[in-house]
Amino acid sequence: MEISAKGLSCEAQNVCKIYTTKQGSTMALSEDSLYVQAGEFVSIVGPSGCGKTTLLNIMCGLLPASDGTVLIDGKAIHGPYTDIGYVFQQDVLLGWRTVFENVILPIEIKKLRPVEEYHQRAKDLLEMVGLKGFEHKYPGELSGGMRQRVSICRALLCSPPLLFMDEPFGALDALTREQMNIDLLDIWSKNQNTVLFVTHSIDEAVILSDRVIIMSNRPGKIIKDIKIDLPRPRTLHMKGSDRFVEYVTEIRDIFNEYGVLRDEKNQGKV
């Protein structure tokens, strides 16, 4: 069965977020605006605690903004937007359900029909990410990379036009992470959905994305929006190209300039 999706645009307009506790208030985001075109792959990079996940959650309606507006396909949203896929930092699989049962969980929760078509779609997705033959295994029998592939299949089962990913490969070893990057690009090219991807890895952001959004230290502020003009389909060999190295260096230089990183020429800025 063909698995297809059509992306939607999403936009944050002058969004800010203030967390209030008994100890006082903390501004996590400071009037950020971001527009993601339908079908784009956009990554957000920035230091820990700068509000990357907060911005992601606001843009899909999981978290209310303290001020500002969020639009999906040009329409303002005022709560969770249900027609999305979300991949978390951890795989969040149910240990007592098989791989196949974990993937089809969304159709059980939403009571979607026809069940047979979604079951076939689940099998197609698992085959696409190299997990054919593992349908009846349990999460505890899989490696970390395999479990994360299951999470991606679950997020894509209903062909969401928007896919939000919050550091999904952060806990994986380097080789598995690189393979997951290629698998993700393959899935995205087939689905043509809109992806907003949070990562700490500059290399990962550059190899995956159409654009890389750079955020400052807290309170998080978008300081640069860089278009990545590398040909698609992307390959790992591109990481050795001069253009790739230029993009990575440019992003690191921006972090240095804004005091997010420090080096021998920039001591004391952080």
C-alpha atoms as a PDB file:
ATOM      1  CA  MET A   1       0.000   0.000   0.000  1.00  0.00           C
ATOM      2  CA  GLU A   2       1.259   3.477  -0.861  1.00  0.00           C
ATOM      3  CA  ILE A   3       1.936   5.617   2.182  1.00  0.00           C
ATOM      4  CA  SER A   4       1.534   9.290   1.466  1.00  0.00           C
ATOM      5  CA  ALA A   5       0.997  12.547   3.316  1.00  0.00           C
ATOM      6  CA  LYS A   6       0.702  16.187   2.376  1.00  0.00           C
ATOM      7  CA  GLY A   7       2.402  18.781   4.531  1.00  0.00           C
ATOM      8  CA  LEU A   8       0.787  21.811   6.101  1.00  0.00           C
ATOM      9  CA  SER A   9       2.417  25.107   6.972  1.00  0.00           C
ATOM     10  CA  CYS A  10       2.823  26.099  10.619  1.00  0.00           C
ATOM     11  CA  GLU A  11       3.697  29.467  12.077  1.00  0.00           C
ATOM     12  CA  ALA A  12       4.473  31.113  15.400  1.00  0.00           C
ATOM     13  CA  GLN A  13       3.873  34.871  15.559  1.00  0.00           C
ATOM     14  CA  ASN A  14       5.572  36.814  18.385  1.00  0.00           C
ATOM     15  CA  VAL A  15       5.252  33.848  20.722  1.00  0.00           C
ATOM     16  CA  CYS A  16       6.596  34.119  24.252  1.00  0.00           C
ATOM     17  CA  LYS A  17       6.392  31.756  27.203  1.00  0.00           C
ATOM     18  CA  ILE A  18       6.712  32.558  30.890  1.00  0.00           C
ATOM     19  CA  TYR A  19       6.703  29.788  33.480  1.00  0.00           C
ATOM     20  CA  THR A  20       5.451  30.835  36.915  1.00  0.00           C
ATOM     21  CA  THR A  21       6.249  28.858  40.063  1.00  0.00           C
ATOM     22  CA  LYS A  22       6.292  29.550  43.796  1.00  0.00           C
ATOM     23  CA  GLN A  23       9.926  30.599  43.378  1.00  0.00           C
ATOM     24  CA  GLY A  24       9.026  33.234  40.778  1.00  0.00           C
ATOM     25  CA  SER A  25       8.708  33.614  37.027  1.00  0.00           C
ATOM     26  CA  THR A  26      11.073  32.436  34.304  1.00  0.00           C
ATOM     27  CA  MET A  27      10.884  33.611  30.718  1.00  0.00           C
ATOM     28  CA  ALA A  28      11.585  30.616  28.477  1.00  0.00           C
ATOM     29  CA  LEU A  29      10.849  32.242  25.103  1.00  0.00           C
ATOM     30  CA  SER A  30      11.070  35.890  24.120  1.00  0.00           C
ATOM     31  CA  GLU A  31       8.758  36.977  21.269  1.00  0.00           C
ATOM     32  CA  ASP A  32       9.800  34.377  18.730  1.00  0.00           C
ATOM     33  CA  SER A  33       8.363  34.182  15.226  1.00  0.00           C
ATOM     34  CA  LEU A  34       8.875  31.229  12.891  1.00  0.00           C
ATOM     35  CA  TYR A  35       7.222  30.201   9.647  1.00  0.00           C
ATOM     36  CA  VAL A  36       7.595  26.672   8.257  1.00  0.00           C
ATOM     37  CA  GLN A  37       6.362  26.095   4.726  1.00  0.00           C
ATOM     38  CA  ALA A  38       4.302  23.052   3.793  1.00  0.00           C
ATOM     39  CA  GLY A  39       6.614  20.139   3.052  1.00  0.00           C
ATOM     40  CA  GLU A  40       9.717  21.765   4.556  1.00  0.00           C
ATOM     41  CA  PHE A  41      12.178  20.017   6.852  1.00  0.00           C
ATOM     42  CA  VAL A  42      13.275  22.579   9.463  1.00  0.00           C
ATOM     43  CA  SER A  43      15.614  21.936  12.400  1.00  0.00           C
ATOM     44  CA  ILE A  44      15.980  23.983  15.582  1.00  0.00           C
ATOM     45  CA  VAL A  45      19.370  24.040  17.302  1.00  0.00           C
ATOM     46  CA  GLY A  46      20.421  25.787  20.482  1.00  0.00           C
ATOM     47  CA  PRO A  47      21.873  25.257  23.963  1.00  0.00           C
ATOM     48  CA  SER A  48      20.143  23.195  26.642  1.00  0.00           C
ATOM     49  CA  GLY A  49      17.359  25.070  28.364  1.00  0.00           C
ATOM     50  CA  CYS A  50      16.933  27.670  25.611  1.00  0.00           C
ATOM     51  CA  GLY A  51      13.305  26.745  24.917  1.00  0.00           C
ATOM     52  CA  LYS A  52      13.607  24.533  21.827  1.00  0.00           C
ATOM     53  CA  THR A  53      11.140  21.958  23.145  1.00  0.00           C
ATOM     54  CA  THR A  54       8.898  24.699  24.504  1.00  0.00           C
ATOM     55  CA  LEU A  55       8.704  26.306  21.053  1.00  0.00           C
ATOM     56  CA  LEU A  56       8.025  22.917  19.461  1.00  0.00           C
ATOM     57  CA  ASN A  57       5.203  22.159  21.885  1.00  0.00           C
ATOM     58  CA  ILE A  58       3.636  25.586  21.456  1.00  0.00           C
ATOM     59  CA  MET A  59       3.677  25.253  17.670  1.00  0.00           C
ATOM     60  CA  CYS A  60       1.720  21.993  17.784  1.00  0.00           C
ATOM     61  CA  GLY A  61      -0.686  23.253  20.436  1.00  0.00           C
ATOM     62  CA  LEU A  62       0.452  20.977  23.269  1.00  0.00           C
ATOM     63  CA  LEU A  63       1.531  23.970  25.353  1.00  0.00           C
ATOM     64  CA  PRO A  64      -0.230  27.344  25.497  1.00  0.00           C
ATOM     65  CA  ALA A  65       1.836  30.434  24.777  1.00  0.00           C
ATOM     66  CA  SER A  66       1.876  33.246  27.311  1.00  0.00           C
ATOM     67  CA  ASP A  67       1.477  35.629  24.395  1.00  0.00           C
ATOM     68  CA  GLY A  68       1.457  35.449  20.621  1.00  0.00           C
ATOM     69  CA  THR A  69      -0.340  33.380  18.001  1.00  0.00           C
ATOM     70  CA  VAL A  70       0.157  29.967  16.415  1.00  0.00           C
ATOM     71  CA  LEU A  71      -1.281  29.176  13.000  1.00  0.00           C
ATOM     72  CA  ILE A  72      -1.488  25.871  11.159  1.00  0.00           C
ATOM     73  CA  ASP A  73      -2.354  26.102   7.486  1.00  0.00           C
ATOM     74  CA  GLY A  74      -3.097  29.786   8.096  1.00  0.00           C
ATOM     75  CA  LYS A  75      -5.648  29.163  10.850  1.00  0.00           C
ATOM     76  CA  ALA A  76      -5.076  30.097  14.483  1.00  0.00           C
ATOM     77  CA  ILE A  77      -5.116  27.195  16.926  1.00  0.00           C
ATOM     78  CA  HIS A  78      -6.123  27.432  20.578  1.00  0.00           C
ATOM     79  CA  GLY A  79      -5.370  23.937  21.826  1.00  0.00           C
ATOM     80  CA  PRO A  80      -3.739  20.643  20.830  1.00  0.00           C
ATOM     81  CA  TYR A  81      -3.733  20.100  17.081  1.00  0.00           C
ATOM     82  CA  THR A  82      -4.687  16.459  16.680  1.00  0.00           C
ATOM     83  CA  ASP A  83      -3.581  15.825  13.082  1.00  0.00           C
ATOM     84  CA  ILE A  84       0.143  15.581  13.879  1.00  0.00           C
ATOM     85  CA  GLY A  85       2.796  12.982  14.539  1.00  0.00           C
ATOM     86  CA  TYR A  86       5.108  13.479  17.516  1.00  0.00           C
ATOM     87  CA  VAL A  87       8.339  11.606  18.207  1.00  0.00           C
ATOM     88  CA  PHE A  88       9.745  12.168  21.704  1.00  0.00           C
ATOM     89  CA  GLN A  89      13.306  12.028  22.998  1.00  0.00           C
ATOM     90  CA  GLN A  90      12.611   8.546  24.365  1.00  0.00           C
ATOM     91  CA  ASP A  91      10.737   5.902  22.392  1.00  0.00           C
ATOM     92  CA  VAL A  92       7.820   5.739  24.905  1.00  0.00           C
ATOM     93  CA  LEU A  93       6.769   2.286  23.712  1.00  0.00           C
ATOM     94  CA  LEU A  94       4.475   0.072  25.769  1.00  0.00           C
ATOM     95  CA  GLY A  95       6.541  -2.892  26.941  1.00  0.00           C
ATOM     96  CA  TRP A  96       3.624  -5.313  27.063  1.00  0.00           C
ATOM     97  CA  ARG A  97       2.635  -4.682  23.446  1.00  0.00           C
ATOM     98  CA  THR A  98       4.452  -6.102  20.430  1.00  0.00           C
ATOM     99  CA  VAL A  99       6.110  -3.897  17.825  1.00  0.00           C
ATOM    100  CA  PHE A 100       3.046  -4.157  15.578  1.00  0.00           C
ATOM    101  CA  GLU A 101       0.661  -3.487  18.478  1.00  0.00           C
ATOM    102  CA  ASN A 102       2.643  -0.385  19.446  1.00  0.00           C
ATOM    103  CA  VAL A 103       2.517   0.963  15.889  1.00  0.00           C
ATOM    104  CA  ILE A 104      -1.260   0.529  15.535  1.00  0.00           C
ATOM    105  CA  LEU A 105      -2.021   2.084  18.929  1.00  0.00           C
ATOM    106  CA  PRO A 106      -3.156   5.431  17.406  1.00  0.00           C
ATOM    107  CA  ILE A 107      -5.927   3.801  15.375  1.00  0.00           C
ATOM    108  CA  GLU A 108      -7.220   2.071  18.503  1.00  0.00           C
ATOM    109  CA  ILE A 109      -7.248   5.319  20.451  1.00  0.00           C
ATOM    110  CA  LYS A 110      -8.878   7.296  17.614  1.00  0.00           C
ATOM    111  CA  LYS A 111     -11.067   4.350  16.541  1.00  0.00           C
ATOM    112  CA  LEU A 112     -10.097   4.855  12.910  1.00  0.00           C
ATOM    113  CA  ARG A 113     -11.462   2.721  10.089  1.00  0.00           C
ATOM    114  CA  PRO A 114     -10.966   0.662   8.029  1.00  0.00           C
ATOM    115  CA  VAL A 115      -8.726  -1.257  10.417  1.00  0.00           C
ATOM    116  CA  GLU A 116      -7.374  -3.569   7.710  1.00  0.00           C
ATOM    117  CA  GLU A 117      -5.930  -0.675   5.707  1.00  0.00           C
ATOM    118  CA  TYR A 118      -4.153   0.781   8.733  1.00  0.00           C
ATOM    119  CA  HIS A 119      -2.784  -2.662   9.619  1.00  0.00           C
ATOM    120  CA  GLN A 120      -1.344  -2.934   6.115  1.00  0.00           C
ATOM    121  CA  ARG A 121       0.057   0.595   6.398  1.00  0.00           C
ATOM    122  CA  ALA A 122       1.764  -0.372   9.670  1.00  0.00           C
ATOM    123  CA  LYS A 123       3.395  -3.344   7.964  1.00  0.00           C
ATOM    124  CA  ASP A 124       4.505  -1.162   5.055  1.00  0.00           C
ATOM    125  CA  LEU A 125       6.089   1.380   7.397  1.00  0.00           C
ATOM    126  CA  LEU A 126       7.917  -1.290   9.390  1.00  0.00           C
ATOM    127  CA  GLU A 127       9.293  -2.728   6.166  1.00  0.00           C
ATOM    128  CA  MET A 128      10.321   0.767   5.045  1.00  0.00           C
ATOM    129  CA  VAL A 129      12.501   1.219   8.164  1.00  0.00           C
ATOM    130  CA  GLY A 130      13.985  -2.272   8.013  1.00  0.00           C
ATOM    131  CA  LEU A 131      11.873  -3.925  10.701  1.00  0.00           C
ATOM    132  CA  LYS A 132      10.051  -6.501   8.602  1.00  0.00           C
ATOM    133  CA  GLY A 133      10.091  -9.752  10.586  1.00  0.00           C
ATOM    134  CA  PHE A 134      10.131  -7.964  13.961  1.00  0.00           C
ATOM    135  CA  GLU A 135       6.368  -7.298  14.114  1.00  0.00           C
ATOM    136  CA  HIS A 136       5.815  -9.776  16.944  1.00  0.00           C
ATOM    137  CA  LYS A 137       8.858  -8.851  19.005  1.00  0.00           C
ATOM    138  CA  TYR A 138       8.521  -6.821  22.201  1.00  0.00           C
ATOM    139  CA  PRO A 139      10.344  -3.524  22.865  1.00  0.00           C
ATOM    140  CA  GLY A 140      12.650  -5.212  25.368  1.00  0.00           C
ATOM    141  CA  GLU A 141      13.957  -7.451  22.594  1.00  0.00           C
ATOM    142  CA  LEU A 142      15.011  -4.516  20.378  1.00  0.00           C
ATOM    143  CA  SER A 143      17.989  -2.171  20.292  1.00  0.00           C
ATOM    144  CA  GLY A 144      17.544   1.534  21.001  1.00  0.00           C
ATOM    145  CA  GLY A 145      17.665   2.412  17.321  1.00  0.00           C
ATOM    146  CA  MET A 146      15.058  -0.212  16.462  1.00  0.00           C
ATOM    147  CA  ARG A 147      12.727   1.034  19.195  1.00  0.00           C
ATOM    148  CA  GLN A 148      13.034   4.582  17.896  1.00  0.00           C
ATOM    149  CA  ARG A 149      12.152   3.363  14.400  1.00  0.00           C
ATOM    150  CA  VAL A 150       9.011   1.835  15.874  1.00  0.00           C
ATOM    151  CA  SER A 151       8.178   5.223  17.413  1.00  0.00           C
ATOM    152  CA  ILE A 152       8.584   6.911  14.043  1.00  0.00           C
ATOM    153  CA  CYS A 153       6.316   4.329  12.394  1.00  0.00           C
ATOM    154  CA  ARG A 154       3.690   4.933  15.059  1.00  0.00           C
ATOM    155  CA  ALA A 155       3.904   8.692  14.525  1.00  0.00           C
ATOM    156  CA  LEU A 156       3.519   8.260  10.748  1.00  0.00           C
ATOM    157  CA  LEU A 157       0.775   5.637  10.780  1.00  0.00           C
ATOM    158  CA  CYS A 158      -2.051   8.095  10.178  1.00  0.00           C
ATOM    159  CA  SER A 159      -0.045   9.998   7.525  1.00  0.00           C
ATOM    160  CA  PRO A 160       0.141  13.222   9.563  1.00  0.00           C
ATOM    161  CA  PRO A 161       0.729  16.389   7.542  1.00  0.00           C
ATOM    162  CA  LEU A 162       2.912  17.675  10.404  1.00  0.00           C
ATOM    163  CA  LEU A 163       5.659  15.706  12.130  1.00  0.00           C
ATOM    164  CA  PHE A 164       7.269  17.122  15.285  1.00  0.00           C
ATOM    165  CA  MET A 165      10.454  15.480  16.552  1.00  0.00           C
ATOM    166  CA  ASP A 166      12.119  16.372  19.844  1.00  0.00           C
ATOM    167  CA  GLU A 167      15.735  15.140  19.845  1.00  0.00           C
ATOM    168  CA  PRO A 168      14.594  11.653  18.821  1.00  0.00           C
ATOM    169  CA  PHE A 169      18.120  10.305  18.248  1.00  0.00           C
ATOM    170  CA  GLY A 170      19.941  11.935  21.155  1.00  0.00           C
ATOM    171  CA  ALA A 171      20.354   8.717  23.149  1.00  0.00           C
ATOM    172  CA  LEU A 172      21.656   6.616  20.236  1.00  0.00           C
ATOM    173  CA  ASP A 173      25.244   5.722  19.410  1.00  0.00           C
ATOM    174  CA  ALA A 174      26.886   7.592  16.535  1.00  0.00           C
ATOM    175  CA  LEU A 175      26.544   4.851  13.899  1.00  0.00           C
ATOM    176  CA  THR A 176      22.908   4.118  14.712  1.00  0.00           C
ATOM    177  CA  ARG A 177      22.162   7.819  14.742  1.00  0.00           C
ATOM    178  CA  GLU A 178      23.610   8.309  11.268  1.00  0.00           C
ATOM    179  CA  GLN A 179      21.571   5.385   9.936  1.00  0.00           C
ATOM    180  CA  MET A 180      18.433   6.857  11.531  1.00  0.00           C
ATOM    181  CA  ASN A 181      19.156  10.167   9.795  1.00  0.00           C
ATOM    182  CA  ILE A 182      19.168   8.437   6.416  1.00  0.00           C
ATOM    183  CA  ASP A 183      16.063   6.395   7.265  1.00  0.00           C
ATOM    184  CA  LEU A 184      14.239   9.549   8.329  1.00  0.00           C
ATOM    185  CA  LEU A 185      15.149  11.373   5.116  1.00  0.00           C
ATOM    186  CA  ASP A 186      13.902   8.413   3.099  1.00  0.00           C
ATOM    187  CA  ILE A 187      10.577   8.376   4.960  1.00  0.00           C
ATOM    188  CA  TRP A 188      10.186  12.150   4.648  1.00  0.00           C
ATOM    189  CA  SER A 189      10.877  12.088   0.912  1.00  0.00           C
ATOM    190  CA  LYS A 190       8.116   9.511   0.445  1.00  0.00           C
ATOM    191  CA  ASN A 191       5.576  11.198   2.754  1.00  0.00           C
ATOM    192  CA  GLN A 192       6.216  14.835   1.793  1.00  0.00           C
ATOM    193  CA  ASN A 193       4.990  16.036   5.184  1.00  0.00           C
ATOM    194  CA  THR A 194       6.235  19.049   7.130  1.00  0.00           C
ATOM    195  CA  VAL A 195       8.893  18.262   9.733  1.00  0.00           C
ATOM    196  CA  LEU A 196      10.001  20.410  12.664  1.00  0.00           C
ATOM    197  CA  PHE A 197      13.019  18.750  14.253  1.00  0.00           C
ATOM    198  CA  VAL A 198      14.787  19.689  17.507  1.00  0.00           C
ATOM    199  CA  THR A 199      18.414  18.644  17.932  1.00  0.00           C
ATOM    200  CA  HIS A 200      21.620  19.565  19.744  1.00  0.00           C
ATOM    201  CA  SER A 201      23.728  18.330  16.831  1.00  0.00           C
ATOM    202  CA  ILE A 202      24.784  20.925  14.265  1.00  0.00           C
ATOM    203  CA  ASP A 203      25.919  18.199  11.833  1.00  0.00           C
ATOM    204  CA  GLU A 204      22.561  16.448  12.101  1.00  0.00           C
ATOM    205  CA  ALA A 205      20.630  19.662  11.544  1.00  0.00           C
ATOM    206  CA  VAL A 206      22.625  20.509   8.415  1.00  0.00           C
ATOM    207  CA  ILE A 207      22.432  17.066   6.773  1.00  0.00           C
ATOM    208  CA  LEU A 208      18.673  16.771   7.353  1.00  0.00           C
ATOM    209  CA  SER A 209      17.255  20.214   6.822  1.00  0.00           C
ATOM    210  CA  ASP A 210      16.067  22.745   4.303  1.00  0.00           C
ATOM    211  CA  ARG A 211      16.598  25.406   6.973  1.00  0.00           C
ATOM    212  CA  VAL A 212      18.323  25.535  10.346  1.00  0.00           C
ATOM    213  CA  ILE A 213      16.881  27.803  13.051  1.00  0.00           C
ATOM    214  CA  ILE A 214      19.437  28.951  15.639  1.00  0.00           C
ATOM    215  CA  MET A 215      18.321  29.906  19.141  1.00  0.00           C
ATOM    216  CA  SER A 216      20.114  31.913  21.807  1.00  0.00           C
ATOM    217  CA  ASN A 217      20.578  31.179  25.487  1.00  0.00           C
ATOM    218  CA  ARG A 218      17.491  31.539  27.698  1.00  0.00           C
ATOM    219  CA  PRO A 219      15.228  33.348  27.287  1.00  0.00           C
ATOM    220  CA  GLY A 220      15.203  31.619  23.930  1.00  0.00           C
ATOM    221  CA  LYS A 221      15.262  33.894  20.935  1.00  0.00           C
ATOM    222  CA  ILE A 222      15.651  32.975  17.285  1.00  0.00           C
ATOM    223  CA  ILE A 223      18.873  34.682  16.234  1.00  0.00           C
ATOM    224  CA  LYS A 224      19.428  33.237  12.743  1.00  0.00           C
ATOM    225  CA  ASP A 225      17.536  31.347  10.057  1.00  0.00           C
ATOM    226  CA  ILE A 226      19.933  29.620   7.651  1.00  0.00           C
ATOM    227  CA  LYS A 227      18.870  28.072   4.348  1.00  0.00           C
ATOM    228  CA  ILE A 228      20.755  24.839   3.637  1.00  0.00           C
ATOM    229  CA  ASP A 229      21.431  24.654  -0.076  1.00  0.00           C
ATOM    230  CA  LEU A 230      22.654  21.067  -0.377  1.00  0.00           C
ATOM    231  CA  PRO A 231      21.248  18.821  -3.114  1.00  0.00           C
ATOM    232  CA  ARG A 232      18.712  16.134  -2.345  1.00  0.00           C
ATOM    233  CA  PRO A 233      18.638  13.260  -1.849  1.00  0.00           C
ATOM    234  CA  ARG A 234      21.172  13.765   0.933  1.00  0.00           C
ATOM    235  CA  THR A 235      23.862  11.199   1.706  1.00  0.00           C
ATOM    236  CA  LEU A 236      26.351  10.777   4.538  1.00  0.00           C
ATOM    237  CA  HIS A 237      29.176  11.376   2.022  1.00  0.00           C
ATOM    238  CA  MET A 238      28.036  15.008   1.865  1.00  0.00           C
ATOM    239  CA  LYS A 239      29.438  15.502   5.365  1.00  0.00           C
ATOM    240  CA  GLY A 240      32.880  15.538   3.770  1.00  0.00           C
ATOM    241  CA  SER A 241      31.991  18.229   1.247  1.00  0.00           C
ATOM    242  CA  ASP A 242      33.308  21.771   1.492  1.00  0.00           C
ATOM    243  CA  ARG A 243      29.776  23.210   1.463  1.00  0.00           C
ATOM    244  CA  PHE A 244      28.670  21.053   4.385  1.00  0.00           C
ATOM    245  CA  VAL A 245      31.715  22.084   6.421  1.00  0.00           C
ATOM    246  CA  GLU A 246      31.014  25.734   5.587  1.00  0.00           C
ATOM    247  CA  TYR A 247      27.465  25.479   6.948  1.00  0.00           C
ATOM    248  CA  VAL A 248      28.616  23.767  10.157  1.00  0.00           C
ATOM    249  CA  THR A 249      31.354  26.375  10.649  1.00  0.00           C
ATOM    250  CA  GLU A 250      28.929  29.225   9.981  1.00  0.00           C
ATOM    251  CA  ILE A 251      26.511  27.947  12.632  1.00  0.00           C
ATOM    252  CA  ARG A 252      29.292  27.465  15.193  1.00  0.00           C
ATOM    253  CA  ASP A 253      30.553  30.979  14.480  1.00  0.00           C
ATOM    254  CA  ILE A 254      27.053  32.347  15.121  1.00  0.00           C
ATOM    255  CA  PHE A 255      26.909  30.518  18.453  1.00  0.00           C
ATOM    256  CA  ASN A 256      30.291  32.015  19.335  1.00  0.00           C
ATOM    257  CA  GLU A 257      29.170  35.484  18.301  1.00  0.00           C
ATOM    258  CA  TYR A 258      26.110  35.325  20.544  1.00  0.00           C
ATOM    259  CA  GLY A 259      27.937  33.768  23.475  1.00  0.00           C
ATOM    260  CA  VAL A 260      26.309  30.357  23.213  1.00  0.00           C
ATOM    261  CA  LEU A 261      29.724  28.703  22.734  1.00  0.00           C
ATOM    262  CA  ARG A 262      33.172  29.889  23.615  1.00  0.00           C
ATOM    263  CA  ASP A 263      36.537  29.094  22.098  1.00  0.00           C
ATOM    264  CA  GLU A 264      40.099  30.374  22.465  1.00  0.00           C
ATOM    265  CA  LYS A 265      39.161  33.630  20.764  1.00  0.00           C
ATOM    266  CA  ASN A 266      35.942  34.056  22.685  1.00  0.00           C
ATOM    267  CA  GLN A 267      36.670  33.171  26.318  1.00  0.00           C
ATOM    268  CA  GLY A 268      34.382  34.476  29.019  1.00  0.00           C
ATOM    269  CA  LYS A 269      31.326  35.082  26.864  1.00  0.00           C
ATOM    270  CA  VAL A 270      29.305  32.256  28.407  1.00  0.00           C
END
